[in-house]
Structures are given as C-alpha cells and as structure tokens.
PDB file of N, CA and C in Angstrom:
ATOM      1  N   MET A   1      16.323   7.483  -5.901  1.00  0.00           N
ATOM      2  CA  MET A   1      15.138   7.005  -5.668  1.00  0.00           C
ATOM      3  C   MET A   1      15.290   6.651  -4.236  1.00  0.00           C
ATOM      4  N   SER A   2      14.215   7.101  -3.843  1.00  0.00           N
ATOM      5  CA  SER A   2      14.129   6.982  -1.593  1.00  0.00           C
ATOM      6  C   SER A   2      13.475   5.626  -1.952  1.00  0.00           C
ATOM      7  N   ASP A   3      13.410   4.639  -1.039  1.00  0.00           N
ATOM      8  CA  ASP A   3      12.458   3.852  -0.790  1.00  0.00           C
ATOM      9  C   ASP A   3      11.353   4.198  -0.728  1.00  0.00           C
ATOM     10  N   THR A   4      11.477   5.108   0.067  1.00  0.00           N
ATOM     11  CA  THR A   4      10.055   5.655   0.258  1.00  0.00           C
ATOM     12  C   THR A   4       9.251   6.105  -0.876  1.00  0.00           C
ATOM     13  N   ASP A   5       9.505   6.689  -1.993  1.00  0.00           N
ATOM     14  CA  ASP A   5       8.832   6.928  -3.029  1.00  0.00           C
ATOM     15  C   ASP A   5       8.089   6.047  -3.438  1.00  0.00           C
ATOM     16  N   PRO A   6       8.067   4.510  -3.847  1.00  0.00           N
ATOM     17  CA  PRO A   6       7.198   3.994  -4.302  1.00  0.00           C
ATOM     18  C   PRO A   6       5.748   3.450  -3.417  1.00  0.00           C
ATOM     19  N   VAL A   7       5.993   3.809  -2.182  1.00  0.00           N
ATOM     20  CA  VAL A   7       5.092   3.933  -1.268  1.00  0.00           C
ATOM     21  C   VAL A   7       4.232   4.923  -1.214  1.00  0.00           C
ATOM     22  N   GLU A   8       4.796   6.687  -1.431  1.00  0.00           N
ATOM     23  CA  GLU A   8       4.134   7.611  -1.481  1.00  0.00           C
ATOM     24  C   GLU A   8       3.288   7.374  -3.066  1.00  0.00           C
ATOM     25  N   ARG A   9       4.028   6.933  -3.740  1.00  0.00           N
ATOM     26  CA  ARG A   9       3.007   6.911  -5.078  1.00  0.00           C
ATOM     27  C   ARG A   9       2.092   6.061  -5.185  1.00  0.00           C
ATOM     28  N   TYR A  10       2.075   4.969  -3.959  1.00  0.00           N
ATOM     29  CA  TYR A  10       1.501   3.586  -3.890  1.00  0.00           C
ATOM     30  C   TYR A  10      -0.077   4.428  -3.589  1.00  0.00           C
ATOM     31  N   TYR A  11       0.455   4.929  -2.396  1.00  0.00           N
ATOM     32  CA  TYR A  11      -1.580   5.387  -1.867  1.00  0.00           C
ATOM     33  C   TYR A  11      -1.776   7.200  -2.785  1.00  0.00           C
ATOM     34  N   GLU A  12      -1.062   7.378  -3.613  1.00  0.00           N
ATOM     35  CA  GLU A  12      -1.774   8.616  -4.226  1.00  0.00           C
ATOM     36  C   GLU A  12      -2.517   7.667  -5.423  1.00  0.00           C
ATOM     37  N   ALA A  13      -2.094   6.548  -6.154  1.00  0.00           N
ATOM     38  CA  ALA A  13      -2.493   5.893  -7.438  1.00  0.00           C
ATOM     39  C   ALA A  13      -4.075   5.090  -6.250  1.00  0.00           C
ATOM     40  N   VAL A  14      -3.978   4.689  -5.506  1.00  0.00           N
ATOM     41  CA  VAL A  14      -4.606   4.051  -4.642  1.00  0.00           C
ATOM     42  C   VAL A  14      -6.274   5.111  -4.591  1.00  0.00           C
ATOM     43  N   ASP A  15      -5.557   6.163  -4.212  1.00  0.00           N
ATOM     44  CA  ASP A  15      -6.424   7.299  -3.802  1.00  0.00           C
ATOM     45  C   ASP A  15      -7.214   8.275  -4.527  1.00  0.00           C
ATOM     46  N   ALA A  16      -6.211   7.749  -5.830  1.00  0.00           N
ATOM     47  CA  ALA A  16      -7.024   8.340  -7.632  1.00  0.00           C
ATOM     48  C   ALA A  16      -7.287   7.695  -7.943  1.00  0.00           C
ATOM     49  N   MET A  17      -7.672   6.307  -7.969  1.00  0.00           N
ATOM     50  CA  MET A  17      -8.121   5.128  -8.265  1.00  0.00           C
ATOM     51  C   MET A  17      -7.569   4.961  -9.760  1.00  0.00           C
ATOM     52  N   ASP A  18      -5.898   5.455  -9.884  1.00  0.00           N
ATOM     53  CA  ASP A  18      -5.233   5.426 -11.112  1.00  0.00           C
ATOM     54  C   ASP A  18      -4.552   3.878 -10.807  1.00  0.00           C
ATOM     55  N   ALA A  19      -5.118   3.160 -11.826  1.00  0.00           N
ATOM     56  CA  ALA A  19      -4.751   1.786 -12.074  1.00  0.00           C
ATOM     57  C   ALA A  19      -3.103   1.650 -12.779  1.00  0.00           C
ATOM     58  N   ASP A  20      -3.003   2.535 -13.554  1.00  0.00           N
ATOM     59  CA  ASP A  20      -1.943   2.192 -14.392  1.00  0.00           C
ATOM     60  C   ASP A  20      -0.903   2.896 -13.392  1.00  0.00           C
ATOM     61  N   GLY A  21      -1.270   3.789 -12.273  1.00  0.00           N
ATOM     62  CA  GLY A  21      -0.315   4.547 -11.130  1.00  0.00           C
ATOM     63  C   GLY A  21      -0.170   2.987 -10.583  1.00  0.00           C
ATOM     64  N   LEU A  22      -1.044   2.562 -10.134  1.00  0.00           N
ATOM     65  CA  LEU A  22      -0.524   1.625  -8.760  1.00  0.00           C
ATOM     66  C   LEU A  22       0.046   0.326  -9.430  1.00  0.00           C
ATOM     67  N   ALA A  23      -0.072   0.037 -10.949  1.00  0.00           N
ATOM     68  CA  ALA A  23       0.359  -1.254 -11.326  1.00  0.00           C
ATOM     69  C   ALA A  23       1.868  -0.748 -11.551  1.00  0.00           C
ATOM     70  N   ALA A  24       2.376   0.293 -11.867  1.00  0.00           N
ATOM     71  CA  ALA A  24       3.888   0.617 -11.753  1.00  0.00           C
ATOM     72  C   ALA A  24       4.479   0.653 -10.781  1.00  0.00           C
ATOM     73  N   VAL A  25       3.869   0.385  -9.934  1.00  0.00           N
ATOM     74  CA  VAL A  25       4.715   0.440  -8.818  1.00  0.00           C
ATOM     75  C   VAL A  25       4.799  -0.813  -7.767  1.00  0.00           C
ATOM     76  N   LEU A  26       4.189  -1.615  -8.457  1.00  0.00           N
ATOM     77  CA  LEU A  26       4.064  -2.764  -7.894  1.00  0.00           C
ATOM     78  C   LEU A  26       4.534  -3.810  -8.602  1.00  0.00           C
ATOM     79  N   ALA A  27       5.242  -5.187  -7.903  1.00  0.00           N
ATOM     80  CA  ALA A  27       6.713  -5.861  -8.634  1.00  0.00           C
ATOM     81  C   ALA A  27       5.458  -6.766  -9.243  1.00  0.00           C
ATOM     82  N   PRO A  28       5.699  -8.035 -10.475  1.00  0.00           N
ATOM     83  CA  PRO A  28       4.413  -8.708 -10.788  1.00  0.00           C
ATOM     84  C   PRO A  28       4.048  -9.599  -9.709  1.00  0.00           C
ATOM     85  N   GLU A  29       5.351 -10.335  -8.750  1.00  0.00           N
ATOM     86  CA  GLU A  29       4.739 -11.239  -8.028  1.00  0.00           C
ATOM     87  C   GLU A  29       4.380 -10.490  -6.575  1.00  0.00           C
ATOM     88  N   PHE A  30       3.843  -9.073  -6.725  1.00  0.00           N
ATOM     89  CA  PHE A  30       3.302  -8.529  -5.385  1.00  0.00           C
ATOM     90  C   PHE A  30       2.270  -9.547  -4.697  1.00  0.00           C
ATOM     91  N   ARG A  31       2.387  -9.258  -3.020  1.00  0.00           N
ATOM     92  CA  ARG A  31       1.533  -9.953  -2.389  1.00  0.00           C
ATOM     93  C   ARG A  31       0.885  -9.094  -1.627  1.00  0.00           C
ATOM     94  N   HIS A  32      -0.417  -8.871  -1.232  1.00  0.00           N
ATOM     95  CA  HIS A  32      -1.107  -8.127   0.009  1.00  0.00           C
ATOM     96  C   HIS A  32      -1.268  -9.271   1.069  1.00  0.00           C
ATOM     97  N   ASP A  33      -1.091  -8.803   2.102  1.00  0.00           N
ATOM     98  CA  ASP A  33      -2.192  -9.639   3.140  1.00  0.00           C
ATOM     99  C   ASP A  33      -2.800  -8.281   4.410  1.00  0.00           C
ATOM    100  N   ARG A  34      -4.185  -8.665   4.369  1.00  0.00           N
ATOM    101  CA  ARG A  34      -4.485  -8.022   5.459  1.00  0.00           C
ATOM    102  C   ARG A  34      -5.873  -8.161   6.052  1.00  0.00           C
ATOM    103  N   PRO A  35      -6.537  -7.635   6.661  1.00  0.00           N
ATOM    104  CA  PRO A  35      -7.057  -8.746   7.969  1.00  0.00           C
ATOM    105  C   PRO A  35      -8.001  -9.558   7.075  1.00  0.00           C
ATOM    106  N   ASP A  36      -8.282  -9.317   5.846  1.00  0.00           N
ATOM    107  CA  ASP A  36      -9.584  -9.924   5.187  1.00  0.00           C
ATOM    108  C   ASP A  36      -9.592 -10.665   4.658  1.00  0.00           C
ATOM    109  N   ARG A  37      -7.956 -10.516   3.917  1.00  0.00           N
ATOM    110  CA  ARG A  37      -7.772 -11.625   2.621  1.00  0.00           C
ATOM    111  C   ARG A  37      -6.512 -11.331   2.283  1.00  0.00           C
ATOM    112  N   THR A  38      -6.000 -12.484   1.273  1.00  0.00           N
ATOM    113  CA  THR A  38      -4.594 -12.456   1.252  1.00  0.00           C
ATOM    114  C   THR A  38      -4.749 -12.541  -0.529  1.00  0.00           C
ATOM    115  N   ILE A  39      -4.502 -11.101  -1.449  1.00  0.00           N
ATOM    116  CA  ILE A  39      -4.488 -10.684  -2.815  1.00  0.00           C
ATOM    117  C   ILE A  39      -2.619 -11.116  -3.161  1.00  0.00           C
ATOM    118  N   GLU A  40      -2.721 -12.168  -4.073  1.00  0.00           N
ATOM    119  CA  GLU A  40      -1.738 -12.795  -4.164  1.00  0.00           C
ATOM    120  C   GLU A  40      -1.436 -11.969  -6.278  1.00  0.00           C
ATOM    121  N   GLY A  41       0.045 -11.259  -6.490  1.00  0.00           N
ATOM    122  CA  GLY A  41       0.077 -11.333  -8.052  1.00  0.00           C
ATOM    123  C   GLY A  41      -0.595  -9.352  -8.407  1.00  0.00           C
ATOM    124  N   ARG A  42       0.421  -8.674  -8.737  1.00  0.00           N
ATOM    125  CA  ARG A  42       0.398  -7.180  -9.416  1.00  0.00           C
ATOM    126  C   ARG A  42      -1.370  -7.089  -9.665  1.00  0.00           C
ATOM    127  N   ASP A  43      -1.349  -8.195 -11.058  1.00  0.00           N
ATOM    128  CA  ASP A  43      -2.731  -7.678 -11.727  1.00  0.00           C
ATOM    129  C   ASP A  43      -3.994  -8.177 -11.140  1.00  0.00           C
ATOM    130  N   ARG A  44      -3.524  -9.389 -10.211  1.00  0.00           N
ATOM    131  CA  ARG A  44      -4.806  -9.548  -9.564  1.00  0.00           C
ATOM    132  C   ARG A  44      -5.385  -8.285  -8.349  1.00  0.00           C
ATOM    133  N   PHE A  45      -4.307  -7.996  -7.762  1.00  0.00           N
ATOM    134  CA  PHE A  45      -4.389  -6.726  -6.814  1.00  0.00           C
ATOM    135  C   PHE A  45      -4.710  -5.120  -7.577  1.00  0.00           C
ATOM    136  N   VAL A  46      -4.399  -4.726  -8.348  1.00  0.00           N
ATOM    137  CA  VAL A  46      -5.071  -3.572  -9.396  1.00  0.00           C
ATOM    138  C   VAL A  46      -6.050  -4.101  -9.339  1.00  0.00           C
ATOM    139  N   GLU A  47      -6.753  -4.901  -9.828  1.00  0.00           N
ATOM    140  CA  GLU A  47      -7.997  -5.656 -10.330  1.00  0.00           C
ATOM    141  C   GLU A  47      -8.928  -5.167  -8.976  1.00  0.00           C
ATOM    142  N   PHE A  48      -8.605  -5.756  -7.777  1.00  0.00           N
ATOM    143  CA  PHE A  48      -9.324  -6.180  -6.798  1.00  0.00           C
ATOM    144  C   PHE A  48      -9.616  -4.538  -6.230  1.00  0.00           C
ATOM    145  N   MET A  49      -8.721  -3.621  -6.328  1.00  0.00           N
ATOM    146  CA  MET A  49      -8.735  -2.033  -5.698  1.00  0.00           C
ATOM    147  C   MET A  49      -9.590  -1.120  -7.010  1.00  0.00           C
ATOM    148  N   MET A  50      -9.565  -1.427  -8.032  1.00  0.00           N
ATOM    149  CA  MET A  50     -10.425  -0.675  -9.181  1.00  0.00           C
ATOM    150  C   MET A  50     -11.596  -1.346  -8.669  1.00  0.00           C
ATOM    151  N   GLU A  51     -11.936  -2.676  -8.895  1.00  0.00           N
ATOM    152  CA  GLU A  51     -13.283  -3.240  -8.972  1.00  0.00           C
ATOM    153  C   GLU A  51     -14.224  -3.908  -7.511  1.00  0.00           C
ATOM    154  N   GLU A  52     -12.976  -4.167  -7.053  1.00  0.00           N
ATOM    155  CA  GLU A  52     -14.111  -4.791  -5.644  1.00  0.00           C
ATOM    156  C   GLU A  52     -13.558  -4.138  -4.341  1.00  0.00           C
ATOM    157  N   ARG A  53     -13.023  -4.006  -3.837  1.00  0.00           N
ATOM    158  CA  ARG A  53     -13.082  -3.048  -2.537  1.00  0.00           C
ATOM    159  C   ARG A  53     -13.915  -2.851  -1.944  1.00  0.00           C
ATOM    160  N   PRO A  54     -14.311  -3.192  -0.808  1.00  0.00           N
ATOM    161  CA  PRO A  54     -15.210  -2.436  -0.224  1.00  0.00           C
ATOM    162  C   PRO A  54     -15.996  -1.025  -0.340  1.00  0.00           C
ATOM    163  N   ARG A  55     -14.805  -0.325  -0.290  1.00  0.00           N
ATOM    164  CA  ARG A  55     -15.283   1.140  -0.259  1.00  0.00           C
ATOM    165  C   ARG A  55     -14.256   1.611  -1.017  1.00  0.00           C
ATOM    166  N   THR A  56     -14.692   2.917  -1.949  1.00  0.00           N
ATOM    167  CA  THR A  56     -13.606   3.582  -2.807  1.00  0.00           C
ATOM    168  C   THR A  56     -13.518   5.187  -2.796  1.00  0.00           C
ATOM    169  N   ASP A  57     -14.793   5.444  -1.880  1.00  0.00           N
ATOM    170  CA  ASP A  57     -14.636   6.506  -1.390  1.00  0.00           C
ATOM    171  C   ASP A  57     -13.886   7.559  -0.608  1.00  0.00           C
ATOM    172  N   THR A  58     -12.827   7.006  -0.607  1.00  0.00           N
ATOM    173  CA  THR A  58     -11.826   7.132   0.501  1.00  0.00           C
ATOM    174  C   THR A  58     -10.151   7.959   0.183  1.00  0.00           C
ATOM    175  N   VAL A  59      -9.533   8.556   1.408  1.00  0.00           N
ATOM    176  CA  VAL A  59      -8.383   9.132   0.881  1.00  0.00           C
ATOM    177  C   VAL A  59      -7.303   8.726   1.936  1.00  0.00           C
ATOM    178  N   HIS A  60      -6.531   8.076   2.058  1.00  0.00           N
ATOM    179  CA  HIS A  60      -5.213   7.887   3.061  1.00  0.00           C
ATOM    180  C   HIS A  60      -5.075   8.673   3.205  1.00  0.00           C
ATOM    181  N   ALA A  61      -4.479   9.281   5.028  1.00  0.00           N
ATOM    182  CA  ALA A  61      -3.757   9.917   5.247  1.00  0.00           C
ATOM    183  C   ALA A  61      -2.404   9.504   5.977  1.00  0.00           C
ATOM    184  N   VAL A  62      -1.300   9.545   5.443  1.00  0.00           N
ATOM    185  CA  VAL A  62      -0.561   9.422   6.098  1.00  0.00           C
ATOM    186  C   VAL A  62       0.225  10.097   7.300  1.00  0.00           C
ATOM    187  N   ASP A  63       0.216   9.995   8.432  1.00  0.00           N
ATOM    188  CA  ASP A  63       1.117  10.661   9.288  1.00  0.00           C
ATOM    189  C   ASP A  63       2.314  10.590   9.347  1.00  0.00           C
ATOM    190  N   THR A  64       2.938   9.262   9.324  1.00  0.00           N
ATOM    191  CA  THR A  64       4.898   8.562   9.352  1.00  0.00           C
ATOM    192  C   THR A  64       4.673   8.126   8.376  1.00  0.00           C
ATOM    193  N   LEU A  65       6.053   7.786   7.984  1.00  0.00           N
ATOM    194  CA  LEU A  65       6.364   6.877   6.805  1.00  0.00           C
ATOM    195  C   LEU A  65       7.940   6.896   8.218  1.00  0.00           C
ATOM    196  N   PHE A  66       8.354   5.712   7.919  1.00  0.00           N
ATOM    197  CA  PHE A  66       9.073   4.701   8.886  1.00  0.00           C
ATOM    198  C   PHE A  66      10.485   4.073   7.870  1.00  0.00           C
ATOM    199  N   LEU A  67      11.684   4.561   7.481  1.00  0.00           N
ATOM    200  CA  LEU A  67      12.469   3.838   7.112  1.00  0.00           C
ATOM    201  C   LEU A  67      13.581   3.311   7.903  1.00  0.00           C
ATOM    202  N   PRO A  68      13.082   1.689   9.006  1.00  0.00           N
ATOM    203  CA  PRO A  68      14.239   1.618   9.478  1.00  0.00           C
ATOM    204  C   PRO A  68      15.824   1.325   9.308  1.00  0.00           C
ATOM    205  N   GLU A  69      16.842   1.356  10.019  1.00  0.00           N
ATOM    206  CA  GLU A  69      17.704   1.072   9.503  1.00  0.00           C
ATOM    207  C   GLU A  69      18.364  -0.355   9.409  1.00  0.00           C
ATOM    208  N   ALA A  70      17.511  -0.966  10.201  1.00  0.00           N
ATOM    209  CA  ALA A  70      18.189  -2.478   9.875  1.00  0.00           C
ATOM    210  C   ALA A  70      16.862  -3.378   9.325  1.00  0.00           C
ATOM    211  N   ALA A  71      16.553  -2.540   8.392  1.00  0.00           N
ATOM    212  CA  ALA A  71      14.947  -3.404   7.618  1.00  0.00           C
ATOM    213  C   ALA A  71      15.081  -3.682   6.639  1.00  0.00           C
ATOM    214  N   ASP A  72      16.292  -4.352   6.101  1.00  0.00           N
ATOM    215  CA  ASP A  72      16.131  -5.055   4.924  1.00  0.00           C
ATOM    216  C   ASP A  72      16.201  -6.369   5.288  1.00  0.00           C
ATOM    217  N   ASP A  73      15.921  -7.149   3.963  1.00  0.00           N
ATOM    218  CA  ASP A  73      15.696  -8.586   4.370  1.00  0.00           C
ATOM    219  C   ASP A  73      16.156  -9.180   2.798  1.00  0.00           C
ATOM    220  N   ALA A  74      16.080 -10.228   2.897  1.00  0.00           N
ATOM    221  CA  ALA A  74      16.154 -11.238   1.013  1.00  0.00           C
ATOM    222  C   ALA A  74      15.904 -10.655   0.355  1.00  0.00           C
ATOM    223  N   ARG A  75      14.571  -9.928   0.084  1.00  0.00           N
ATOM    224  CA  ARG A  75      13.673  -9.959  -0.833  1.00  0.00           C
ATOM    225  C   ARG A  75      13.844  -7.924  -0.925  1.00  0.00           C
ATOM    226  N   GLY A  76      13.788  -7.152   0.123  1.00  0.00           N
ATOM    227  CA  GLY A  76      14.495  -5.994  -0.266  1.00  0.00           C
ATOM    228  C   GLY A  76      14.443  -5.309   1.252  1.00  0.00           C
ATOM    229  N   ARG A  77      14.141  -3.700   1.240  1.00  0.00           N
ATOM    230  CA  ARG A  77      13.833  -3.011   2.265  1.00  0.00           C
ATOM    231  C   ARG A  77      12.980  -2.477   2.626  1.00  0.00           C
ATOM    232  N   GLU A  78      12.657  -2.545   4.073  1.00  0.00           N
ATOM    233  CA  GLU A  78      11.364  -2.534   4.734  1.00  0.00           C
ATOM    234  C   GLU A  78      10.642  -1.356   4.647  1.00  0.00           C
ATOM    235  N   VAL A  79       9.996  -0.499   4.636  1.00  0.00           N
ATOM    236  CA  VAL A  79       9.450   0.759   4.519  1.00  0.00           C
ATOM    237  C   VAL A  79       7.958   0.572   5.417  1.00  0.00           C
ATOM    238  N   ALA A  80       7.695   1.055   6.611  1.00  0.00           N
ATOM    239  CA  ALA A  80       6.112   1.012   7.324  1.00  0.00           C
ATOM    240  C   ALA A  80       6.080   2.487   7.286  1.00  0.00           C
ATOM    241  N   ALA A  81       4.373   2.630   7.015  1.00  0.00           N
ATOM    242  CA  ALA A  81       3.579   3.524   6.723  1.00  0.00           C
ATOM    243  C   ALA A  81       2.384   3.530   8.439  1.00  0.00           C
ATOM    244  N   HIS A  82       2.493   4.547   8.543  1.00  0.00           N
ATOM    245  CA  HIS A  82       1.200   4.689  10.113  1.00  0.00           C
ATOM    246  C   HIS A  82       0.442   5.680   9.265  1.00  0.00           C
ATOM    247  N   GLY A  83      -0.926   5.499   9.147  1.00  0.00           N
ATOM    248  CA  GLY A  83      -2.090   6.626   9.180  1.00  0.00           C
ATOM    249  C   GLY A  83      -3.350   6.337   9.264  1.00  0.00           C
ATOM    250  N   ARG A  84      -4.244   7.201   8.867  1.00  0.00           N
ATOM    251  CA  ARG A  84      -5.544   6.903   9.083  1.00  0.00           C
ATOM    252  C   ARG A  84      -6.260   7.020   7.730  1.00  0.00           C
ATOM    253  N   LEU A  85      -7.726   6.304   7.489  1.00  0.00           N
ATOM    254  CA  LEU A  85      -8.656   5.745   6.500  1.00  0.00           C
ATOM    255  C   LEU A  85      -9.423   6.654   6.194  1.00  0.00           C
ATOM    256  N   PHE A  86      -9.993   8.059   5.435  1.00  0.00           N
ATOM    257  CA  PHE A  86     -11.442   8.899   5.844  1.00  0.00           C
ATOM    258  C   PHE A  86     -12.012   8.224   4.512  1.00  0.00           C
ATOM    259  N   ALA A  87     -13.429   8.750   4.317  1.00  0.00           N
ATOM    260  CA  ALA A  87     -14.182   8.495   3.979  1.00  0.00           C
ATOM    261  C   ALA A  87     -14.578  10.001   3.391  1.00  0.00           C
ATOM    262  N   ASP A  88     -15.055  10.090   1.975  1.00  0.00           N
ATOM    263  CA  ASP A  88     -15.038  11.052   1.313  1.00  0.00           C
ATOM    264  C   ASP A  88     -15.181  11.907   1.954  1.00  0.00           C
ATOM    265  N   ASP A  89     -16.415  12.003   2.922  1.00  0.00           N
ATOM    266  CA  ASP A  89     -17.094  13.184   3.432  1.00  0.00           C
ATOM    267  C   ASP A  89     -16.170  13.542   5.050  1.00  0.00           C
ATOM    268  N   GLY A  90     -14.888  12.783   5.569  1.00  0.00           N
ATOM    269  CA  GLY A  90     -13.839  13.439   6.368  1.00  0.00           C
ATOM    270  C   GLY A  90     -14.364  12.525   7.494  1.00  0.00           C
ATOM    271  N   GLU A  91     -15.067  11.383   7.482  1.00  0.00           N
ATOM    272  CA  GLU A  91     -15.198  10.038   8.519  1.00  0.00           C
ATOM    273  C   GLU A  91     -13.940   9.531   8.802  1.00  0.00           C
ATOM    274  N   GLU A  92     -13.827   9.238   9.818  1.00  0.00           N
ATOM    275  CA  GLU A  92     -12.605   8.475  10.261  1.00  0.00           C
ATOM    276  C   GLU A  92     -12.575   7.578  10.337  1.00  0.00           C
ATOM    277  N   LEU A  93     -12.573   6.217   9.055  1.00  0.00           N
ATOM    278  CA  LEU A  93     -13.236   5.196   9.226  1.00  0.00           C
ATOM    279  C   LEU A  93     -12.147   4.152  10.138  1.00  0.00           C
ATOM    280  N   PHE A  94     -10.655   3.985  10.021  1.00  0.00           N
ATOM    281  CA  PHE A  94      -9.706   3.362  10.937  1.00  0.00           C
ATOM    282  C   PHE A  94      -8.126   3.889  10.802  1.00  0.00           C
ATOM    283  N   ALA A  95      -7.551   3.480  11.869  1.00  0.00           N
ATOM    284  CA  ALA A  95      -6.386   3.665  11.473  1.00  0.00           C
ATOM    285  C   ALA A  95      -5.689   2.421  11.173  1.00  0.00           C
ATOM    286  N   PHE A  96      -4.186   2.549  10.708  1.00  0.00           N
ATOM    287  CA  PHE A  96      -3.662   1.712  10.301  1.00  0.00           C
ATOM    288  C   PHE A  96      -2.041   1.701   9.721  1.00  0.00           C
ATOM    289  N   VAL A  97      -1.761   0.408   9.965  1.00  0.00           N
ATOM    290  CA  VAL A  97       0.208   0.438   9.868  1.00  0.00           C
ATOM    291  C   VAL A  97       0.199  -0.153   8.679  1.00  0.00           C
ATOM    292  N   ASP A  98       0.863   0.202   7.547  1.00  0.00           N
ATOM    293  CA  ASP A  98       0.803  -0.768   6.711  1.00  0.00           C
ATOM    294  C   ASP A  98       2.996  -1.152   6.324  1.00  0.00           C
ATOM    295  N   LEU A  99       3.094  -2.329   6.049  1.00  0.00           N
ATOM    296  CA  LEU A  99       4.527  -2.891   6.057  1.00  0.00           C
ATOM    297  C   LEU A  99       4.922  -2.990   5.080  1.00  0.00           C
ATOM    298  N   PHE A 100       5.425  -2.462   4.376  1.00  0.00           N
ATOM    299  CA  PHE A 100       6.064  -2.929   2.804  1.00  0.00           C
ATOM    300  C   PHE A 100       7.607  -3.188   2.877  1.00  0.00           C
ATOM    301  N   THR A 101       7.587  -4.271   1.447  1.00  0.00           N
ATOM    302  CA  THR A 101       8.472  -4.665   1.597  1.00  0.00           C
ATOM    303  C   THR A 101       9.411  -4.161  -0.390  1.00  0.00           C
ATOM    304  N   VAL A 102      10.346  -3.344  -0.633  1.00  0.00           N
ATOM    305  CA  VAL A 102      10.623  -2.141  -1.618  1.00  0.00           C
ATOM    306  C   VAL A 102      11.993  -2.951  -1.522  1.00  0.00           C
ATOM    307  N   ALA A 103      11.977  -3.517  -3.915  1.00  0.00           N
ATOM    308  CA  ALA A 103      13.145  -3.815  -4.137  1.00  0.00           C
ATOM    309  C   ALA A 103      13.228  -3.260  -5.290  1.00  0.00           C
ATOM    310  N   ASP A 104      14.079  -2.922  -6.109  1.00  0.00           N
ATOM    311  CA  ASP A 104      14.448  -2.326  -6.768  1.00  0.00           C
ATOM    312  C   ASP A 104      13.462  -1.559  -7.464  1.00  0.00           C
ATOM    313  N   GLY A 105      13.187  -0.573  -6.684  1.00  0.00           N
ATOM    314  CA  GLY A 105      11.665   0.593  -6.817  1.00  0.00           C
ATOM    315  C   GLY A 105      10.322  -0.239  -6.705  1.00  0.00           C
ATOM    316  N   GLU A 106      10.419  -0.941  -6.535  1.00  0.00           N
ATOM    317  CA  GLU A 106       8.615  -1.801  -6.861  1.00  0.00           C
ATOM    318  C   GLU A 106       8.481  -2.307  -5.189  1.00  0.00           C
ATOM    319  N   ILE A 107       7.685  -2.503  -5.099  1.00  0.00           N
ATOM    320  CA  ILE A 107       6.632  -3.034  -3.652  1.00  0.00           C
ATOM    321  C   ILE A 107       6.758  -4.410  -4.083  1.00  0.00           C
ATOM    322  N   VAL A 108       7.421  -5.421  -3.249  1.00  0.00           N
ATOM    323  CA  VAL A 108       7.363  -6.920  -3.725  1.00  0.00           C
ATOM    324  C   VAL A 108       6.148  -7.699  -2.640  1.00  0.00           C
ATOM    325  N   ASP A 109       5.791  -6.470  -1.306  1.00  0.00           N
ATOM    326  CA  ASP A 109       4.777  -7.192  -0.526  1.00  0.00           C
ATOM    327  C   ASP A 109       4.533  -5.773   0.444  1.00  0.00           C
ATOM    328  N   LEU A 110       3.690  -6.166   0.976  1.00  0.00           N
ATOM    329  CA  LEU A 110       2.199  -5.030   1.701  1.00  0.00           C
ATOM    330  C   LEU A 110       1.722  -6.068   2.679  1.00  0.00           C
ATOM    331  N   ARG A 111       1.797  -5.752   3.930  1.00  0.00           N
ATOM    332  CA  ARG A 111       1.026  -6.554   5.072  1.00  0.00           C
ATOM    333  C   ARG A 111       0.459  -5.399   5.693  1.00  0.00           C
ATOM    334  N   THR A 112      -1.068  -4.947   6.038  1.00  0.00           N
ATOM    335  CA  THR A 112      -2.180  -4.323   6.624  1.00  0.00           C
ATOM    336  C   THR A 112      -2.116  -4.503   7.998  1.00  0.00           C
ATOM    337  N   PHE A 113      -2.230  -3.405   8.607  1.00  0.00           N
ATOM    338  CA  PHE A 113      -2.533  -3.762  10.557  1.00  0.00           C
ATOM    339  C   PHE A 113      -3.657  -2.472  10.606  1.00  0.00           C
ATOM    340  N   THR A 114      -4.900  -3.021  10.451  1.00  0.00           N
ATOM    341  CA  THR A 114      -5.997  -2.155  11.334  1.00  0.00           C
ATOM    342  C   THR A 114      -6.495  -2.016  12.277  1.00  0.00           C
ATOM    343  N   LYS A 115      -7.017  -0.629  13.179  1.00  0.00           N
ATOM    344  CA  LYS A 115      -7.377  -0.671  14.122  1.00  0.00           C
ATOM    345  C   LYS A 115      -8.622   0.240  14.198  1.00  0.00           C
TER     346      LYS A 115
END
C-alpha cells in the first residue's frame, strides 16, 4: 500500500459521507488543524464531518498529491494534497492544501490551509 492510498480514501469517504470509511483511514489519535478550529480524536472528527461541518454538499477535486522524498518525521510519512472544493452545483468554494501525516496505513495528522 502506498502512503497516498489512505489520503485518496479520505477524500472519497468525506465526499460520500461514509463515516465508516472515514474512520477506517484515521488513527485513533488523529488530529486536524484547520483555519477555524482544531479537532482531536478520530471519533470526534468523524462526528464533526458527518453532523456538524458547515457544508456537506461538496466535492473535493484533488489536483496533485505530493509525496516528498525527505518528508518523514518521527510520527510518519508526510503527504501533501493540493486541490479545490466545489459545491454540488459546480461553484468553486476555495482552493486548499492539505498536509497529512501517515503512519502504518493510517492518517495521524492533517493540517488544512485554504485560499
């Protein structure tokens, strides 16, 4: 399995509102830092994404996945994704860069930057 596989499955699960699929790619200690909040723990993050996020009528279009050669840290391997978030009607909402830390096939950490 490539370190990008859980990242690809992450976006598929989020866009499909698949709570089980999302939980399957996240480590129990998962942490998400985003511009408006920090969410700690896999269960809390899945709950937020399924029930509380501001918009659920969205689709992620990932333009590029980066797997830098020297991107290992003590917690795992880093993967970067650059893309755009669209509403179901096709309106582009914003561009994003997501920085994932992947260890043992699970996403441990996610930092989101938007424009």
